[in-house]
Every structure is written in C-alpha cells, then in structure tokens.
Amino acid sequence: MRLFKQRSVGHFQPSPPLVGAVLSVMDRAVFVKRTAGRYHYFVPQTVPLEIPPHEVKRRLDSGEKLTLIDVREPSEFAQARIENAELVPMRTVPAELSRLDALADAETLIVFCHHGVRSLNVVNWLREQGVDACQSMAGGIDRWSLEIDPSVRRYS
C-alpha cells in the first residue's frame, strides 16, 4: 500500500510533461495529477515505524484489516503465538518480498518478534524496498503478552 495524501492546488500549473510525474519538492516525492481542469499533488503520508500493542489491538477490534507478520524462528513460534499471525522468519523475508509487498497493497503489515528488535530491522528494510504500509509492534510478543493477552505464553 502506497500511502499518499492528496492536496489540491488552485494556481499550480505544471507544464504538461509534469502531469503524472513524480517530482522531488523539498526532499519529498510528489505525484502530480490533473482532474477536471484542476491540478492535485500527492505527498507521502508517513506512518510511524513502531506501533504499541494497545494500538494494534484497538485497530483489530475496530475491524481494520491488518496482517500480523511474526518474524521469529519456528521454534519460538511453537512456544508462543498471537492468533492469526503468519510466521515469516526474518531470514526468509527477502525471498518473500514480492508476496509481502502484495499483502501490504491490501492491508497494513504489523511485524513483530520477541522484543521488537528484529521486527524493527525488518520494517526498516521493507520500507527501503518500497513497502510503506508496515509497522513494527513495539516490545514484540512479550509486551503483547504483558499488556494485551496474558494467555500468550512468555518465554526467555
């Protein structure tokens, strides 16, 4: 999912070759589009790298479509898991890039690990690859267990 926010401009008149172009304006990518005789520009909407577990829970409870991606190892996944989370071990993320990108076109990816370090690295890497709709769950599954669902087993 590419996150852009639309802004309308009244007196902005780019030359025809610029319509549909991606420009760099003050170090931000801008997409210019003409509709019904008006020009619009779209600027990237920044999503924080991290999201706290209570915000993930709130968004899930509100019915928002999120894909939970667990980047821990299979042995960790066997010990504790969040319901409906998909296991994609960190070492396999590069091979799964096109699938994750396609998932992110439909839903925001919430990436997590044990304590939030690996997932933050994965989210940084995904964003470098152009996958914008992804966030790392701060504190990982351990914090989820402490704050949201104590039935999720804690481990060391």
N, C-alpha and C. Protein backbone atom coordinates (compact mmCIF):
# COMPACT_ATOMS: atom_id res chain seq x y z
N MET A 1 0.85 -1.16 0.00
CA MET A 1 0.00 0.00 0.00
C MET A 1 0.89 1.23 0.00
N ARG A 2 0.73 2.05 -0.98
CA ARG A 2 1.48 3.29 -1.05
C ARG A 2 0.63 4.37 -0.39
N LEU A 3 1.17 5.01 0.57
CA LEU A 3 0.39 5.96 1.35
C LEU A 3 0.67 7.38 0.90
N PHE A 4 -0.29 7.99 0.22
CA PHE A 4 -0.17 9.36 -0.24
C PHE A 4 -1.38 10.14 0.22
N LYS A 5 -1.18 11.41 0.50
CA LYS A 5 -2.26 12.29 0.90
C LYS A 5 -2.44 13.34 -0.19
N GLN A 6 -3.68 13.54 -0.62
CA GLN A 6 -3.95 14.46 -1.72
C GLN A 6 -4.05 15.90 -1.22
N ARG A 7 -3.48 16.81 -1.98
CA ARG A 7 -3.60 18.24 -1.74
C ARG A 7 -4.02 18.88 -3.05
N SER A 8 -5.03 19.72 -3.04
CA SER A 8 -5.45 20.43 -4.25
C SER A 8 -4.73 21.76 -4.30
N VAL A 9 -4.41 22.17 -5.51
CA VAL A 9 -3.73 23.45 -5.69
C VAL A 9 -4.48 24.25 -6.73
N GLY A 10 -4.78 25.48 -6.42
CA GLY A 10 -5.52 26.32 -7.34
C GLY A 10 -4.66 26.93 -8.42
N HIS A 11 -3.53 27.51 -8.07
CA HIS A 11 -2.73 28.26 -9.03
C HIS A 11 -1.50 27.50 -9.51
N PHE A 12 -1.41 26.24 -9.19
CA PHE A 12 -0.27 25.44 -9.61
C PHE A 12 -0.52 24.96 -11.03
N GLN A 13 0.28 25.38 -11.98
CA GLN A 13 0.10 25.00 -13.37
C GLN A 13 1.38 24.36 -13.90
N PRO A 14 1.59 23.07 -13.67
CA PRO A 14 2.80 22.45 -14.22
C PRO A 14 2.67 22.34 -15.73
N SER A 15 3.81 22.29 -16.39
CA SER A 15 3.76 22.09 -17.84
C SER A 15 3.27 20.67 -18.08
N PRO A 16 2.61 20.40 -19.19
CA PRO A 16 2.03 19.09 -19.46
C PRO A 16 2.96 17.90 -19.20
N PRO A 17 4.28 17.97 -19.51
CA PRO A 17 5.12 16.80 -19.24
C PRO A 17 5.19 16.42 -17.76
N LEU A 18 4.88 17.37 -16.86
CA LEU A 18 4.97 17.06 -15.45
C LEU A 18 3.75 16.32 -14.92
N VAL A 19 2.63 16.38 -15.60
CA VAL A 19 1.44 15.68 -15.14
C VAL A 19 1.72 14.19 -15.16
N GLY A 20 1.47 13.53 -14.05
CA GLY A 20 1.74 12.10 -13.93
C GLY A 20 3.16 11.80 -13.51
N ALA A 21 3.96 12.83 -13.31
CA ALA A 21 5.37 12.62 -12.95
C ALA A 21 5.52 12.59 -11.44
N VAL A 22 6.55 11.96 -11.01
CA VAL A 22 6.93 12.00 -9.60
C VAL A 22 8.06 13.00 -9.50
N LEU A 23 7.86 14.04 -8.72
CA LEU A 23 8.84 15.11 -8.58
C LEU A 23 9.43 15.06 -7.18
N SER A 24 10.51 15.75 -6.98
CA SER A 24 11.06 15.89 -5.64
C SER A 24 10.94 17.37 -5.27
N VAL A 25 10.11 17.64 -4.31
CA VAL A 25 9.91 19.01 -3.84
C VAL A 25 10.30 19.04 -2.38
N MET A 26 11.33 19.80 -2.09
CA MET A 26 11.86 19.90 -0.73
C MET A 26 12.09 18.51 -0.13
N ASP A 27 12.79 17.66 -0.87
CA ASP A 27 13.16 16.31 -0.44
C ASP A 27 11.97 15.39 -0.21
N ARG A 28 10.81 15.68 -0.77
CA ARG A 28 9.65 14.80 -0.65
C ARG A 28 9.15 14.46 -2.05
N ALA A 29 8.85 13.22 -2.29
CA ALA A 29 8.32 12.84 -3.60
C ALA A 29 6.90 13.38 -3.73
N VAL A 30 6.59 13.90 -4.89
CA VAL A 30 5.28 14.47 -5.13
C VAL A 30 4.77 13.93 -6.47
N PHE A 31 3.55 13.43 -6.49
CA PHE A 31 2.93 12.95 -7.71
C PHE A 31 1.91 13.99 -8.14
N VAL A 32 1.99 14.44 -9.39
CA VAL A 32 1.10 15.49 -9.88
C VAL A 32 0.04 14.84 -10.79
N LYS A 33 -1.22 15.23 -10.59
CA LYS A 33 -2.32 14.67 -11.36
C LYS A 33 -3.30 15.78 -11.73
N ARG A 34 -3.81 15.72 -12.95
CA ARG A 34 -4.81 16.70 -13.37
C ARG A 34 -6.17 16.01 -13.45
N THR A 35 -7.17 16.59 -12.78
CA THR A 35 -8.53 16.06 -12.84
C THR A 35 -9.49 17.23 -13.01
N ALA A 36 -10.37 17.11 -13.93
CA ALA A 36 -11.41 18.12 -14.16
C ALA A 36 -10.84 19.53 -14.20
N GLY A 37 -9.73 19.69 -14.90
CA GLY A 37 -9.15 21.02 -15.06
C GLY A 37 -8.38 21.55 -13.87
N ARG A 38 -8.32 20.78 -12.78
CA ARG A 38 -7.57 21.20 -11.59
C ARG A 38 -6.36 20.29 -11.42
N TYR A 39 -5.32 20.85 -10.89
CA TYR A 39 -4.12 20.07 -10.61
C TYR A 39 -4.11 19.70 -9.14
N HIS A 40 -3.68 18.49 -8.87
CA HIS A 40 -3.57 17.99 -7.49
C HIS A 40 -2.17 17.44 -7.33
N TYR A 41 -1.66 17.54 -6.13
CA TYR A 41 -0.40 16.87 -5.88
C TYR A 41 -0.58 15.97 -4.68
N PHE A 42 0.16 14.90 -4.68
CA PHE A 42 0.06 13.89 -3.64
C PHE A 42 1.41 13.79 -2.96
N VAL A 43 1.42 13.90 -1.66
CA VAL A 43 2.66 13.81 -0.90
C VAL A 43 2.64 12.56 -0.03
N PRO A 44 3.79 11.98 0.22
CA PRO A 44 3.82 10.77 1.03
C PRO A 44 3.25 11.01 2.43
N GLN A 45 2.46 10.08 2.87
CA GLN A 45 1.89 10.10 4.21
C GLN A 45 2.80 9.22 5.06
N THR A 46 3.44 9.78 6.05
CA THR A 46 4.36 8.98 6.84
C THR A 46 3.61 8.24 7.94
N VAL A 47 3.97 6.98 8.08
CA VAL A 47 3.41 6.12 9.10
C VAL A 47 4.55 5.85 10.07
N PRO A 48 4.33 6.01 11.37
CA PRO A 48 5.42 5.73 12.32
C PRO A 48 5.98 4.31 12.14
N LEU A 49 7.27 4.17 12.38
CA LEU A 49 7.91 2.86 12.26
C LEU A 49 7.35 1.86 13.27
N GLU A 50 7.06 2.35 14.47
CA GLU A 50 6.59 1.46 15.54
C GLU A 50 5.17 1.80 15.94
N ILE A 51 4.50 0.78 16.45
CA ILE A 51 3.14 0.93 16.95
C ILE A 51 3.04 0.13 18.25
N PRO A 52 2.45 0.71 19.31
CA PRO A 52 2.33 -0.04 20.56
C PRO A 52 1.27 -1.13 20.46
N PRO A 53 1.40 -2.19 21.25
CA PRO A 53 0.44 -3.29 21.19
C PRO A 53 -1.02 -2.85 21.42
N HIS A 54 -1.25 -1.90 22.33
CA HIS A 54 -2.63 -1.49 22.59
C HIS A 54 -3.26 -0.84 21.36
N GLU A 55 -2.45 -0.18 20.53
CA GLU A 55 -2.97 0.43 19.30
C GLU A 55 -3.27 -0.65 18.25
N VAL A 56 -2.44 -1.69 18.19
CA VAL A 56 -2.71 -2.82 17.29
C VAL A 56 -4.03 -3.46 17.69
N LYS A 57 -4.20 -3.70 18.98
CA LYS A 57 -5.43 -4.32 19.49
C LYS A 57 -6.65 -3.45 19.17
N ARG A 58 -6.52 -2.15 19.38
CA ARG A 58 -7.64 -1.24 19.12
C ARG A 58 -8.03 -1.29 17.63
N ARG A 59 -7.03 -1.28 16.77
CA ARG A 59 -7.29 -1.31 15.33
C ARG A 59 -7.92 -2.64 14.91
N LEU A 60 -7.44 -3.74 15.46
CA LEU A 60 -8.04 -5.04 15.17
C LEU A 60 -9.48 -5.10 15.64
N ASP A 61 -9.72 -4.63 16.87
CA ASP A 61 -11.07 -4.64 17.44
C ASP A 61 -12.04 -3.76 16.66
N SER A 62 -11.53 -2.71 16.03
CA SER A 62 -12.39 -1.81 15.25
C SER A 62 -12.70 -2.39 13.87
N GLY A 63 -12.09 -3.53 13.54
CA GLY A 63 -12.36 -4.18 12.27
C GLY A 63 -11.40 -3.81 11.15
N GLU A 64 -10.39 -3.00 11.49
CA GLU A 64 -9.41 -2.64 10.47
C GLU A 64 -8.66 -3.89 10.02
N LYS A 65 -8.43 -3.97 8.73
CA LYS A 65 -7.71 -5.13 8.20
C LYS A 65 -6.21 -4.92 8.39
N LEU A 66 -5.62 -5.76 9.21
CA LEU A 66 -4.19 -5.76 9.46
C LEU A 66 -3.68 -7.17 9.24
N THR A 67 -2.47 -7.29 8.75
CA THR A 67 -1.83 -8.60 8.63
C THR A 67 -0.71 -8.66 9.64
N LEU A 68 -0.80 -9.61 10.57
CA LEU A 68 0.23 -9.78 11.59
C LEU A 68 1.31 -10.71 11.04
N ILE A 69 2.54 -10.22 11.00
CA ILE A 69 3.67 -10.99 10.49
C ILE A 69 4.65 -11.23 11.63
N ASP A 70 4.86 -12.48 11.97
CA ASP A 70 5.76 -12.90 13.04
C ASP A 70 7.10 -13.27 12.41
N VAL A 71 8.16 -12.52 12.73
CA VAL A 71 9.47 -12.78 12.11
C VAL A 71 10.41 -13.58 13.02
N ARG A 72 9.85 -14.23 14.03
CA ARG A 72 10.68 -15.08 14.89
C ARG A 72 10.96 -16.41 14.18
N GLU A 73 11.74 -17.23 14.82
CA GLU A 73 12.08 -18.55 14.29
C GLU A 73 10.94 -19.54 14.59
N PRO A 74 10.82 -20.62 13.81
CA PRO A 74 9.76 -21.60 14.04
C PRO A 74 9.74 -22.16 15.47
N SER A 75 10.91 -22.34 16.08
CA SER A 75 10.95 -22.86 17.45
C SER A 75 10.33 -21.86 18.44
N GLU A 76 10.51 -20.57 18.20
CA GLU A 76 9.89 -19.54 19.05
C GLU A 76 8.37 -19.50 18.81
N PHE A 77 7.99 -19.62 17.55
CA PHE A 77 6.58 -19.61 17.17
C PHE A 77 5.85 -20.78 17.84
N ALA A 78 6.54 -21.92 17.97
CA ALA A 78 5.95 -23.10 18.61
C ALA A 78 5.70 -22.86 20.10
N GLN A 79 6.50 -21.99 20.71
CA GLN A 79 6.36 -21.72 22.14
C GLN A 79 5.22 -20.75 22.46
N ALA A 80 5.05 -19.76 21.60
CA ALA A 80 4.03 -18.74 21.85
C ALA A 80 3.67 -18.08 20.53
N ARG A 81 2.40 -17.79 20.35
CA ARG A 81 1.96 -17.13 19.12
C ARG A 81 0.74 -16.27 19.37
N ILE A 82 0.59 -15.26 18.51
CA ILE A 82 -0.60 -14.41 18.53
C ILE A 82 -1.55 -14.97 17.49
N GLU A 83 -2.80 -15.11 17.87
CA GLU A 83 -3.81 -15.67 16.98
C GLU A 83 -3.84 -14.94 15.63
N ASN A 84 -3.91 -15.72 14.57
CA ASN A 84 -3.98 -15.24 13.18
C ASN A 84 -2.68 -14.61 12.66
N ALA A 85 -1.60 -14.72 13.40
CA ALA A 85 -0.31 -14.20 12.92
C ALA A 85 0.30 -15.21 11.96
N GLU A 86 0.97 -14.69 10.95
CA GLU A 86 1.63 -15.53 9.96
C GLU A 86 3.13 -15.55 10.24
N LEU A 87 3.70 -16.73 10.28
CA LEU A 87 5.14 -16.87 10.52
C LEU A 87 5.90 -16.66 9.22
N VAL A 88 6.79 -15.66 9.23
CA VAL A 88 7.72 -15.40 8.13
C VAL A 88 9.06 -15.11 8.81
N PRO A 89 9.86 -16.15 9.09
CA PRO A 89 11.12 -15.92 9.80
C PRO A 89 11.96 -14.83 9.13
N MET A 90 12.65 -14.05 9.94
CA MET A 90 13.41 -12.90 9.45
C MET A 90 14.33 -13.27 8.28
N ARG A 91 14.97 -14.42 8.36
CA ARG A 91 15.92 -14.82 7.31
C ARG A 91 15.23 -15.08 5.98
N THR A 92 13.90 -15.29 5.98
CA THR A 92 13.18 -15.58 4.73
C THR A 92 12.49 -14.34 4.15
N VAL A 93 12.55 -13.22 4.84
CA VAL A 93 11.85 -12.01 4.39
C VAL A 93 12.29 -11.58 2.98
N PRO A 94 13.60 -11.54 2.66
CA PRO A 94 13.97 -11.13 1.29
C PRO A 94 13.33 -12.01 0.21
N ALA A 95 13.25 -13.31 0.45
CA ALA A 95 12.64 -14.21 -0.52
C ALA A 95 11.12 -14.00 -0.61
N GLU A 96 10.52 -13.47 0.43
CA GLU A 96 9.07 -13.24 0.49
C GLU A 96 8.68 -11.82 0.12
N LEU A 97 9.65 -11.01 -0.34
CA LEU A 97 9.39 -9.59 -0.57
C LEU A 97 8.20 -9.33 -1.47
N SER A 98 8.12 -9.97 -2.63
CA SER A 98 7.01 -9.65 -3.54
C SER A 98 5.67 -10.04 -2.93
N ARG A 99 5.61 -11.13 -2.19
CA ARG A 99 4.35 -11.54 -1.54
C ARG A 99 3.98 -10.55 -0.44
N LEU A 100 4.97 -10.12 0.36
CA LEU A 100 4.70 -9.15 1.42
C LEU A 100 4.27 -7.80 0.84
N ASP A 101 4.90 -7.41 -0.27
CA ASP A 101 4.53 -6.16 -0.93
C ASP A 101 3.07 -6.23 -1.40
N ALA A 102 2.68 -7.37 -1.97
CA ALA A 102 1.30 -7.54 -2.43
C ALA A 102 0.33 -7.51 -1.25
N LEU A 103 0.70 -8.15 -0.13
CA LEU A 103 -0.14 -8.10 1.07
C LEU A 103 -0.30 -6.66 1.56
N ALA A 104 0.80 -5.91 1.54
CA ALA A 104 0.79 -4.53 2.03
C ALA A 104 -0.03 -3.62 1.11
N ASP A 105 -0.26 -4.02 -0.13
CA ASP A 105 -1.13 -3.23 -1.00
C ASP A 105 -2.57 -3.29 -0.53
N ALA A 106 -2.94 -4.36 0.18
CA ALA A 106 -4.32 -4.53 0.64
C ALA A 106 -4.50 -4.18 2.11
N GLU A 107 -3.51 -4.45 2.92
CA GLU A 107 -3.62 -4.25 4.37
C GLU A 107 -2.28 -3.80 4.94
N THR A 108 -2.33 -3.10 6.06
CA THR A 108 -1.10 -2.73 6.75
C THR A 108 -0.48 -3.97 7.38
N LEU A 109 0.83 -4.12 7.24
CA LEU A 109 1.54 -5.22 7.88
C LEU A 109 1.99 -4.77 9.26
N ILE A 110 1.66 -5.56 10.26
CA ILE A 110 2.16 -5.33 11.61
C ILE A 110 3.17 -6.45 11.85
N VAL A 111 4.43 -6.07 11.93
CA VAL A 111 5.53 -7.03 12.05
C VAL A 111 5.96 -7.08 13.52
N PHE A 112 6.16 -8.29 14.03
CA PHE A 112 6.61 -8.41 15.41
C PHE A 112 7.57 -9.58 15.58
N CYS A 113 8.31 -9.54 16.68
CA CYS A 113 9.23 -10.62 17.04
C CYS A 113 9.10 -10.84 18.55
N HIS A 114 10.17 -11.23 19.21
CA HIS A 114 10.11 -11.47 20.65
C HIS A 114 10.04 -10.15 21.43
N HIS A 115 11.00 -9.25 21.20
CA HIS A 115 11.04 -7.98 21.94
C HIS A 115 10.99 -6.73 21.06
N GLY A 116 10.92 -6.89 19.76
CA GLY A 116 10.76 -5.75 18.87
C GLY A 116 11.99 -5.29 18.12
N VAL A 117 13.13 -5.94 18.33
CA VAL A 117 14.36 -5.52 17.65
C VAL A 117 14.41 -6.05 16.22
N ARG A 118 14.20 -7.35 16.06
CA ARG A 118 14.22 -7.94 14.71
C ARG A 118 13.12 -7.34 13.84
N SER A 119 11.93 -7.16 14.42
CA SER A 119 10.82 -6.63 13.62
C SER A 119 11.10 -5.19 13.18
N LEU A 120 11.76 -4.40 14.01
CA LEU A 120 12.10 -3.04 13.62
C LEU A 120 13.11 -3.06 12.46
N ASN A 121 14.07 -3.97 12.51
CA ASN A 121 15.02 -4.13 11.40
C ASN A 121 14.31 -4.55 10.11
N VAL A 122 13.35 -5.46 10.23
CA VAL A 122 12.59 -5.92 9.06
C VAL A 122 11.78 -4.77 8.47
N VAL A 123 11.10 -4.00 9.31
CA VAL A 123 10.30 -2.88 8.82
C VAL A 123 11.18 -1.83 8.14
N ASN A 124 12.32 -1.54 8.72
CA ASN A 124 13.25 -0.60 8.08
C ASN A 124 13.65 -1.12 6.70
N TRP A 125 13.98 -2.40 6.60
CA TRP A 125 14.38 -2.98 5.32
C TRP A 125 13.23 -2.96 4.33
N LEU A 126 12.02 -3.35 4.77
CA LEU A 126 10.86 -3.34 3.87
C LEU A 126 10.60 -1.95 3.32
N ARG A 127 10.71 -0.94 4.17
CA ARG A 127 10.48 0.43 3.70
C ARG A 127 11.55 0.85 2.69
N GLU A 128 12.78 0.41 2.89
CA GLU A 128 13.83 0.69 1.91
C GLU A 128 13.51 0.04 0.56
N GLN A 129 12.77 -1.05 0.58
CA GLN A 129 12.39 -1.75 -0.64
C GLN A 129 11.11 -1.18 -1.24
N GLY A 130 10.51 -0.18 -0.59
CA GLY A 130 9.30 0.45 -1.12
C GLY A 130 8.00 -0.05 -0.52
N VAL A 131 8.06 -0.90 0.49
CA VAL A 131 6.85 -1.38 1.16
C VAL A 131 6.57 -0.41 2.31
N ASP A 132 5.66 0.53 2.07
CA ASP A 132 5.42 1.61 3.03
C ASP A 132 4.45 1.24 4.15
N ALA A 133 3.48 0.40 3.86
CA ALA A 133 2.41 0.11 4.81
C ALA A 133 2.81 -1.02 5.75
N CYS A 134 3.83 -0.74 6.57
CA CYS A 134 4.27 -1.73 7.54
C CYS A 134 4.75 -1.01 8.80
N GLN A 135 4.52 -1.63 9.92
CA GLN A 135 4.95 -1.08 11.20
C GLN A 135 5.44 -2.22 12.08
N SER A 136 6.37 -1.90 12.97
CA SER A 136 6.89 -2.86 13.94
C SER A 136 6.11 -2.69 15.24
N MET A 137 5.68 -3.80 15.82
CA MET A 137 4.98 -3.73 17.10
C MET A 137 6.02 -3.59 18.21
N ALA A 138 6.01 -2.45 18.87
CA ALA A 138 6.97 -2.15 19.93
C ALA A 138 6.88 -3.18 21.06
N GLY A 139 8.03 -3.69 21.45
CA GLY A 139 8.07 -4.64 22.56
C GLY A 139 7.76 -6.07 22.17
N GLY A 140 7.33 -6.28 20.94
CA GLY A 140 7.10 -7.62 20.43
C GLY A 140 6.03 -8.41 21.15
N ILE A 141 6.10 -9.73 20.98
CA ILE A 141 5.10 -10.62 21.57
C ILE A 141 5.17 -10.61 23.09
N ASP A 142 6.35 -10.31 23.63
CA ASP A 142 6.49 -10.26 25.09
C ASP A 142 5.61 -9.14 25.67
N ARG A 143 5.66 -7.97 25.06
CA ARG A 143 4.84 -6.84 25.52
C ARG A 143 3.36 -7.12 25.25
N TRP A 144 3.04 -7.78 24.13
CA TRP A 144 1.66 -8.17 23.83
C TRP A 144 1.12 -9.04 24.96
N SER A 145 1.94 -10.00 25.41
CA SER A 145 1.54 -10.90 26.48
C SER A 145 1.32 -10.15 27.80
N LEU A 146 2.20 -9.18 28.08
CA LEU A 146 2.08 -8.41 29.33
C LEU A 146 0.88 -7.46 29.33
N GLU A 147 0.62 -6.81 28.19
CA GLU A 147 -0.38 -5.74 28.16
C GLU A 147 -1.72 -6.12 27.55
N ILE A 148 -1.74 -7.11 26.67
CA ILE A 148 -2.97 -7.39 25.93
C ILE A 148 -3.55 -8.77 26.24
N ASP A 149 -2.75 -9.80 26.11
CA ASP A 149 -3.25 -11.17 26.23
C ASP A 149 -2.32 -12.04 27.06
N PRO A 150 -2.59 -12.12 28.37
CA PRO A 150 -1.72 -12.91 29.24
C PRO A 150 -1.76 -14.42 28.94
N SER A 151 -2.70 -14.86 28.10
CA SER A 151 -2.73 -16.28 27.74
C SER A 151 -1.61 -16.62 26.75
N VAL A 152 -1.02 -15.60 26.13
CA VAL A 152 0.12 -15.82 25.25
C VAL A 152 1.33 -16.03 26.16
N ARG A 153 1.90 -17.21 26.07
CA ARG A 153 2.99 -17.61 26.96
C ARG A 153 4.23 -16.72 26.79
N ARG A 154 4.80 -16.30 27.90
CA ARG A 154 6.08 -15.56 27.86
C ARG A 154 7.20 -16.58 27.95
N TYR A 155 8.30 -16.28 27.30
CA TYR A 155 9.46 -17.17 27.31
C TYR A 155 10.72 -16.33 27.28
N SER A 156 11.88 -16.97 27.55
CA SER A 156 13.14 -16.21 27.54
C SER A 156 14.06 -16.68 26.44
